[in-house]
Protein backbone atom coordinates (compact mmCIF):
# COMPACT_ATOMS: atom_id res chain seq x y z
CA MET A 1 35.88 -6.45 -64.20
CA LYS A 2 35.55 -2.86 -65.76
CA TRP A 3 33.49 -1.81 -62.64
CA LEU A 4 33.61 1.67 -63.35
CA ALA A 5 32.35 1.96 -66.90
CA VAL A 6 29.62 -0.89 -66.65
CA ALA A 7 28.24 0.54 -63.60
CA LEU A 8 28.09 3.76 -64.87
CA ALA A 9 26.33 2.50 -67.61
CA LEU A 10 24.05 0.30 -65.61
CA ALA A 11 23.21 3.09 -63.08
CA LEU A 12 21.92 4.92 -65.86
CA ALA A 13 19.44 2.37 -66.72
CA GLY A 14 18.21 2.63 -62.78
CA CYS A 15 20.52 -0.11 -61.20
CA GLY A 16 22.63 0.83 -59.21
CA MET A 17 23.99 -2.34 -57.56
CA PHE A 18 27.65 -2.54 -58.28
CA ALA A 19 30.55 -0.98 -56.71
CA LYS A 20 32.33 1.99 -58.73
CA ARG A 21 36.14 1.34 -59.83
CA ALA A 22 38.76 3.47 -61.44
CA ALA A 23 38.78 2.89 -65.26
CA GLU A 24 41.02 -0.60 -65.89
CA PRO A 25 44.32 0.42 -67.44
CA GLN A 26 45.53 -0.82 -70.74
CA PRO A 27 47.42 -3.98 -70.40
CA PRO A 28 50.92 -4.19 -71.75
CA ALA A 29 51.01 -4.96 -75.80
CA LYS A 30 53.70 -7.62 -75.16
CA GLY A 31 52.49 -9.45 -72.35
CA GLY A 32 53.93 -9.31 -68.51
CA TYR A 33 52.34 -8.11 -65.88
CA TYR A 34 50.62 -4.91 -65.63
CA LYS A 35 52.12 -3.00 -62.36
CA ASP A 36 51.18 -4.81 -59.54
CA ASP A 37 49.13 -7.32 -61.23
CA GLY A 38 49.66 -11.32 -61.39
CA PRO A 39 49.49 -14.53 -59.11
CA GLY A 40 48.76 -13.70 -55.61
CA GLU A 41 51.23 -14.15 -52.94
CA SER A 42 50.37 -18.17 -52.06
CA PRO A 43 48.92 -19.71 -55.36
CA PRO A 44 47.35 -22.89 -55.03
CA ALA A 45 49.87 -25.65 -56.51
CA ASN A 46 47.73 -27.31 -58.72
CA LEU A 47 46.98 -24.32 -61.01
CA HIS A 48 48.12 -26.77 -64.03
CA ALA A 49 45.15 -29.14 -62.62
CA LEU A 50 42.45 -26.98 -61.78
CA PRO A 51 39.12 -28.51 -63.00
CA ASP A 52 37.47 -26.78 -66.14
CA ALA A 53 33.95 -24.82 -64.63
CA GLU A 54 31.13 -27.45 -64.78
CA PRO A 55 28.16 -26.16 -66.81
CA ARG A 56 24.42 -26.26 -65.38
CA ALA A 57 21.29 -24.46 -65.73
CA GLU A 58 21.13 -21.14 -64.15
CA PRO A 59 18.75 -18.51 -64.13
CA LEU A 60 20.16 -15.27 -66.34
CA HIS A 61 21.11 -12.11 -64.00
CA ARG A 62 18.38 -9.77 -63.56
CA PHE A 63 20.45 -6.59 -64.61
CA ALA A 64 23.61 -7.49 -66.16
CA ASN A 65 22.41 -8.63 -69.22
CA ARG A 66 20.36 -4.91 -70.17
CA PRO A 67 22.26 -3.23 -73.10
CA TYR A 68 24.63 -0.75 -72.20
CA GLN A 69 27.53 1.67 -73.28
CA VAL A 70 31.30 2.02 -72.33
CA PHE A 71 33.62 4.70 -73.75
CA GLY A 72 31.14 5.85 -76.79
CA ARG A 73 30.33 2.10 -77.46
CA ASP A 74 26.92 0.14 -77.00
CA TYR A 75 26.73 -3.17 -76.30
CA VAL A 76 23.73 -5.70 -76.37
CA PRO A 77 24.18 -8.94 -74.60
CA ARG A 78 22.71 -11.74 -75.64
CA THR A 79 19.40 -12.59 -73.63
CA ALA A 80 19.41 -16.14 -74.07
CA ILE A 81 21.48 -19.32 -73.67
CA GLY A 82 22.54 -21.00 -77.19
CA PRO A 83 25.31 -21.17 -79.61
CA TYR A 84 27.95 -18.72 -80.24
CA ARG A 85 31.61 -19.14 -81.59
CA GLU A 86 34.01 -16.39 -82.06
CA ARG A 87 37.65 -15.99 -82.76
CA GLY A 88 39.50 -13.10 -81.38
CA ILE A 89 42.07 -11.98 -78.69
CA ALA A 90 42.01 -13.22 -74.91
CA SER A 91 43.79 -11.41 -72.32
CA TRP A 92 43.77 -12.11 -68.02
CA TYR A 93 42.94 -10.15 -64.99
CA GLY A 94 44.74 -11.04 -61.68
CA ARG A 95 45.32 -9.76 -58.47
CA ARG A 96 44.74 -6.75 -58.84
CA PHE A 97 41.03 -6.93 -59.21
CA HIS A 98 41.16 -10.49 -56.76
CA GLY A 99 37.94 -10.14 -54.20
CA GLY A 100 36.47 -7.09 -55.92
CA GLN A 101 33.05 -6.98 -57.38
CA THR A 102 32.01 -8.16 -61.27
CA SER A 103 29.36 -7.17 -63.10
CA SER A 104 26.96 -10.29 -61.92
CA GLY A 105 27.72 -9.09 -57.98
CA GLU A 106 29.65 -12.11 -57.27
CA LEU A 107 33.29 -11.40 -55.74
CA TYR A 108 36.03 -11.83 -58.65
CA ASP A 109 38.30 -14.94 -57.54
CA MET A 110 41.52 -15.12 -59.68
CA TYR A 111 41.52 -18.54 -59.22
CA ALA A 112 38.34 -19.91 -60.10
CA MET A 113 37.69 -20.85 -63.89
CA THR A 114 35.89 -17.73 -65.31
CA ALA A 115 35.87 -14.84 -67.53
CA ALA A 116 34.70 -11.23 -68.67
CA HIS A 117 32.88 -10.91 -72.45
CA PRO A 118 31.46 -7.99 -73.51
CA THR A 119 28.22 -9.44 -75.12
CA LEU A 120 27.85 -13.48 -73.71
CA PRO A 121 24.72 -13.96 -71.16
CA ILE A 122 25.62 -13.76 -67.45
CA PRO A 123 26.09 -15.99 -65.95
CA SER A 124 26.87 -18.71 -69.00
CA TYR A 125 29.54 -20.99 -70.11
CA ALA A 126 32.03 -21.02 -72.75
CA ARG A 127 34.76 -23.55 -74.08
CA VAL A 128 37.95 -21.15 -74.61
CA SER A 129 40.53 -23.10 -76.88
CA ARG A 130 44.17 -21.11 -77.79
CA VAL A 131 44.68 -21.24 -81.68
CA GLY A 132 47.35 -23.34 -82.58
CA ASP A 133 48.08 -26.01 -80.14
CA ARG A 134 44.23 -26.12 -79.33
CA ARG A 135 44.50 -26.22 -75.44
CA SER A 136 41.16 -25.38 -73.91
CA VAL A 137 39.43 -24.25 -70.75
CA VAL A 138 35.62 -24.26 -69.80
CA VAL A 139 34.98 -20.92 -68.20
CA ARG A 140 31.78 -19.27 -66.48
CA ILE A 141 30.98 -16.19 -67.82
CA ASN A 142 29.95 -13.74 -64.91
CA ASP A 143 31.42 -10.40 -65.74
CA ARG A 144 31.64 -7.95 -68.38
CA GLY A 145 34.48 -6.49 -70.57
CA PRO A 146 37.21 -6.24 -72.03
CA PHE A 147 36.46 -2.72 -73.39
CA HIS A 148 39.78 -2.38 -75.14
CA SER A 149 40.42 -2.58 -79.20
CA GLY A 150 41.12 -5.57 -80.51
CA ARG A 151 40.34 -8.13 -77.15
CA ALA A 152 37.35 -10.47 -77.23
CA ILE A 153 37.62 -12.05 -73.86
CA ASP A 154 39.02 -11.33 -70.17
CA LEU A 155 40.00 -14.67 -68.91
CA SER A 156 40.82 -15.00 -65.22
CA TYR A 157 44.38 -15.91 -63.82
CA ALA A 158 43.64 -19.49 -63.36
CA ALA A 159 42.24 -20.07 -66.62
CA ALA A 160 44.74 -17.90 -68.58
CA TYR A 161 47.55 -20.02 -66.82
CA ARG A 162 45.89 -23.20 -67.72
CA LEU A 163 45.70 -21.68 -71.33
CA GLY A 164 49.59 -20.67 -71.25
CA VAL A 165 48.42 -17.14 -71.47
CA VAL A 166 49.87 -15.54 -68.29
CA GLY A 167 53.36 -15.32 -69.62
CA ASP A 168 52.68 -13.72 -73.30
CA GLY A 169 49.82 -11.57 -71.55
CA SER A 170 47.19 -12.22 -74.54
CA ALA A 171 46.55 -15.13 -77.17
CA LEU A 172 44.46 -16.02 -80.12
CA VAL A 173 41.57 -18.02 -79.32
CA ASP A 174 38.29 -19.61 -80.17
CA ILE A 175 35.27 -18.93 -78.17
CA GLU A 176 32.43 -21.21 -78.16
CA ALA A 177 29.32 -20.97 -75.78
CA VAL A 178 28.15 -24.30 -74.03
CA VAL A 179 24.97 -24.99 -73.91
CA PRO A 180 24.18 -26.98 -70.11
CA GLY A 181 22.29 -30.69 -71.26
CA ALA A 182 23.03 -30.15 -74.80
CA GLY A 183 25.47 -33.29 -74.71
CA PRO A 184 29.13 -33.80 -73.92
CA VAL A 185 31.29 -30.44 -74.09
CA ALA A 186 33.74 -31.02 -76.71
CA ALA A 187 36.53 -29.18 -77.88
CA ALA A 188 36.11 -26.28 -80.45
CA THR A 189 37.14 -27.57 -83.93
CA PRO A 190 39.57 -25.10 -85.94
CA ALA A 191 36.59 -23.72 -87.98
CA ALA A 192 34.76 -22.59 -85.17
CA GLU A 193 33.24 -19.18 -86.99
CA ALA A 194 29.13 -18.65 -86.95
CA LYS A 195 27.69 -19.16 -90.13
CA GLY A 196 25.72 -15.99 -91.84
CA VAL A 197 26.33 -13.00 -93.96
CA TYR A 198 29.82 -11.06 -93.51
CA LEU A 199 31.16 -8.21 -95.09
CA GLN A 200 34.74 -8.32 -96.42
CA LEU A 201 36.77 -5.17 -95.53
CA GLY A 202 40.14 -6.65 -96.42
CA ALA A 203 42.62 -8.95 -97.17
CA PHE A 204 46.08 -9.55 -96.69
CA SER A 205 49.43 -11.23 -97.45
CA ALA A 206 50.50 -10.91 -93.82
CA ARG A 207 48.18 -11.42 -90.47
CA GLU A 208 50.49 -8.61 -89.11
CA SER A 209 49.20 -6.51 -91.73
CA ALA A 210 45.64 -7.51 -91.21
CA GLU A 211 45.54 -7.43 -87.51
CA ASN A 212 46.88 -3.86 -87.71
CA PHE A 213 43.97 -2.77 -90.00
CA ARG A 214 41.38 -4.68 -87.68
CA ALA A 215 42.95 -2.43 -84.86
CA ARG A 216 42.19 0.71 -87.15
CA LEU A 217 39.02 -0.14 -87.63
CA GLN A 218 38.09 -0.62 -84.26
CA ARG A 219 39.35 2.16 -83.57
CA GLU A 220 37.30 4.48 -86.06
CA LEU A 221 34.36 2.55 -86.30
CA THR A 222 33.27 2.34 -82.39
CA TRP A 223 29.72 2.34 -83.17
CA LEU A 224 30.08 -1.28 -84.77
CA THR A 225 28.25 -4.00 -82.39
CA GLU A 226 29.71 -6.90 -84.65
CA THR A 227 32.68 -8.58 -84.14
CA ILE A 228 35.50 -7.89 -87.15
CA GLN A 229 37.51 -11.42 -87.62
CA VAL A 230 40.80 -12.52 -88.99
CA ILE A 231 40.01 -15.55 -91.28
CA ALA A 232 42.72 -17.27 -92.60
CA ALA A 233 41.90 -18.75 -96.18
CA GLY A 234 44.72 -19.80 -98.56
CA ALA A 235 47.82 -17.63 -98.84
CA LEU A 236 45.56 -14.54 -97.50
CA TYR A 237 44.20 -12.84 -94.25
CA ARG A 238 40.63 -11.77 -95.01
CA LEU A 239 38.73 -9.52 -92.24
CA HIS A 240 35.08 -10.41 -91.79
CA LEU A 241 32.58 -8.37 -89.98
CA GLY A 242 29.60 -10.26 -88.73
CA PRO A 243 27.44 -12.11 -88.91
CA PHE A 244 24.32 -10.56 -89.92
CA ARG A 245 20.96 -12.35 -90.31
CA SER A 246 20.77 -11.38 -94.02
CA GLN A 247 22.32 -8.71 -96.68
CA ASP A 248 19.33 -6.44 -96.03
CA GLU A 249 20.75 -6.20 -92.55
CA ALA A 250 24.10 -6.10 -93.70
CA ARG A 251 23.91 -3.53 -96.44
CA PRO A 252 23.22 -0.24 -93.93
CA VAL A 253 26.53 -1.15 -92.02
CA ALA A 254 28.44 -1.29 -95.44
CA GLU A 255 27.12 1.87 -96.50
CA ARG A 256 28.18 3.56 -92.89
CA ILE A 257 31.46 2.30 -93.53
CA ARG A 258 32.05 3.10 -97.16
CA SER A 259 30.78 6.70 -96.41
CA GLU A 260 33.04 6.96 -93.37
CA LEU A 261 36.31 5.05 -94.22
CA ASP A 262 36.03 5.10 -98.42
CA VAL A 263 36.12 1.45 -97.70
CA SER A 264 34.00 -0.79 -100.35
CA PRO A 265 32.94 -3.93 -98.05
CA LEU A 266 32.19 -7.34 -100.01
CA PHE A 267 29.42 -9.45 -98.72
CA VAL A 268 30.51 -13.31 -98.33
CA VAL A 269 28.31 -15.65 -97.26
CA ARG A 270 30.03 -18.77 -95.43
């Protein structure tokens, strides 16, 4: 989806197979369509009944899983299919990109059950569940993005339609990797965060305050590669950065955050 940014990064790595395009505009903060983005002139009549992507074993793309840099931030894609869970904001992209080339080299089909993710393997599959009403879809990851602060995944128009995200523009979702052949594709449970060591960067009584501070951290700490999650625990909303494999791995990150923002992270294991 973000062809210019990703194409430039991959070109530096010696791969020139992707078409270049203008940088993606910032979508509206409160939903709705950006300029002429949105449904096509003749959308399928059965969008609500489109089936999930069907997970199957596929070879990973030769170039789309290499490390890359966009807007000064480094990304290291996962190079193996395996367990992955994340909670974050989902947005979507529609007809302005329909028919364009994705990071996988495939043409983007806004009516297919696909999505873009910064680091999940290409191709791979993920279940995306909307937090609150638990609507969920299974999508095939075949593109890179989103690269805007605070966004975790970009859904195709069809996937966003089924989740009820189209009108809102974005929504809080749980993302869980689906491993082909690992058993039935079950809906994610509410406690869908990966276990490990985390850095707690703050705790707030209001979700809005937590989301605002997360946006500030993502804006100022552009070098971070781990996900900042908002975790509801009791009456508080806590910001957790991670996961890390150990406190030793997390400690240099904590020290750098402390020196740059005068924030004192706490180590949390969950």
